[in-house]
Protein backbone atom coordinates (compact mmCIF):
# COMPACT_ATOMS: atom_id res chain seq x y z
CA ALA A 1 -44.99 -7.99 52.86
CA GLU A 2 -44.60 -9.84 49.25
CA LEU A 3 -45.27 -6.71 47.29
CA ARG A 4 -43.06 -4.90 49.82
CA GLU A 5 -40.13 -6.94 48.81
CA GLN A 6 -41.12 -6.93 45.09
CA SER A 7 -41.43 -3.47 45.08
CA GLN A 8 -37.77 -2.83 46.76
CA VAL A 9 -36.66 -5.74 43.59
CA LYS A 10 -38.14 -3.27 41.36
CA THR A 11 -36.34 -0.53 42.71
CA LYS A 12 -32.91 -2.23 42.82
CA ASP A 13 -33.40 -2.99 38.76
CA ILE A 14 -34.62 0.82 37.79
CA LYS A 15 -31.66 2.03 40.40
CA GLU A 16 -28.79 -0.88 38.19
CA ARG A 17 -30.09 0.04 35.38
CA ARG A 18 -29.47 3.68 35.77
CA LYS A 19 -26.13 3.27 36.72
CA GLU A 20 -25.67 1.31 33.66
CA GLU A 21 -27.04 3.73 31.05
CA GLU A 22 -24.92 6.66 32.87
CA GLU A 23 -21.83 4.69 32.50
CA LYS A 24 -22.52 3.80 29.17
CA SER A 25 -23.09 7.14 28.01
CA LYS A 26 -19.70 8.44 29.59
CA GLN A 27 -17.95 6.17 27.58
CA VAL A 28 -20.08 7.34 24.81
CA SER A 29 -18.94 10.51 25.60
CA LYS A 30 -15.36 10.09 26.47
CA GLU A 31 -15.29 8.60 22.78
CA THR A 32 -16.91 11.51 21.29
CA ARG A 33 -14.36 14.44 23.08
CA LYS A 34 -11.65 11.96 21.69
CA MET A 35 -12.69 12.29 18.00
CA LEU A 36 -13.53 15.93 18.29
CA LYS A 37 -10.48 16.61 20.09
CA ARG A 38 -8.86 14.79 16.71
CA VAL A 39 -10.85 17.18 14.53
CA GLU A 40 -9.64 19.69 16.16
CA LYS A 41 -5.94 18.95 15.73
CA ASN A 42 -6.11 18.20 12.15
CA PRO A 43 -9.75 19.08 10.25
CA SER A 44 -8.51 18.24 7.07
CA LEU A 45 -8.12 14.56 7.66
CA PHE A 46 -12.34 14.72 8.48
CA ASN A 47 -15.08 15.01 5.62
CA ARG A 48 -18.51 17.33 6.68
CA GLU A 49 -20.15 14.46 8.10
CA GLY A 50 -17.09 13.72 10.16
CA GLN A 51 -16.25 10.46 9.05
CA GLU A 52 -12.53 9.98 8.77
CA LEU A 53 -10.82 10.04 5.14
CA THR A 54 -9.11 7.23 3.99
CA ARG A 55 -5.28 8.11 3.20
CA GLN A 56 -6.06 8.62 -0.46
CA GLU A 57 -9.00 11.07 0.03
CA ALA A 58 -6.88 12.85 2.56
CA ARG A 59 -3.68 13.34 0.05
CA HIS A 60 -6.14 14.29 -2.86
CA ARG A 61 -7.74 16.72 -0.38
CA ALA A 62 -4.21 18.48 0.45
CA LYS A 63 -3.58 18.93 -2.80
CA VAL A 64 -6.10 20.48 -4.03
CA SER A 65 -6.01 22.76 -1.98
CA SER A 66 -2.66 23.92 -2.16
CA VAL A 67 -3.55 23.85 -5.69
CA VAL A 68 -6.25 26.16 -4.89
CA LYS A 69 -4.06 29.00 -2.72
CA THR A 70 -1.36 29.00 -5.49
CA GLN A 71 -4.18 30.09 -7.77
CA GLU A 72 -5.04 32.74 -5.36
CA GLN A 73 -1.70 33.84 -4.18
CA MET A 74 -0.95 34.65 -7.98
CA HIS A 75 -4.37 36.21 -8.11
CA TRP A 76 -3.23 38.78 -5.14
CA ASP A 77 -0.19 38.90 -6.53
CA THR A 78 -1.01 40.42 -10.20
CA VAL A 79 -3.43 42.79 -7.98
CA ARG A 80 -0.43 43.93 -5.55
CA ALA A 81 1.66 44.32 -8.94
CA ARG A 82 -1.02 46.21 -10.85
CA ARG A 83 -1.49 48.41 -7.78
CA GLU A 84 2.13 49.11 -7.29
CA ALA A 85 2.60 49.94 -11.14
CA LYS A 86 -0.42 52.23 -10.88
CA ASN A 87 0.98 54.53 -7.86
CA GLU A 88 4.34 54.19 -10.18
CA GLU A 89 3.14 55.90 -12.41
CA LEU A 90 0.45 58.81 -10.14
CA ARG A 91 4.67 59.23 -8.53
CA LYS A 92 5.88 60.05 -11.75
CA MET A 93 3.13 62.30 -12.61
CA TRP A 94 2.94 64.28 -9.95
CA SER A 95 6.73 64.71 -9.58
CA GLY A 96 6.81 65.88 -13.29
CA LYS A 97 4.63 68.60 -12.03
CA MET A 98 6.00 69.96 -8.86
């Protein structure tokens, strides 16, 4: 009878422990879900490891990315201008031949 009671106590302990672990994992997943949502909304506030950047770092990153964007825009503007000039030349050439 004593052995039976001990085994029942053990199973109760095991069940309680399982319940606590499940609640902990739910809590963790809730927090990670919250974090993931924030990352999706504004990825520029987080680094590659998923750690949040300070306000200063975020501001710096925004500045750098805007500079990069403007350089890229300048590049494509020159490419577009070159292409248009070439097309204009070809148009003049062909209109002269007709």
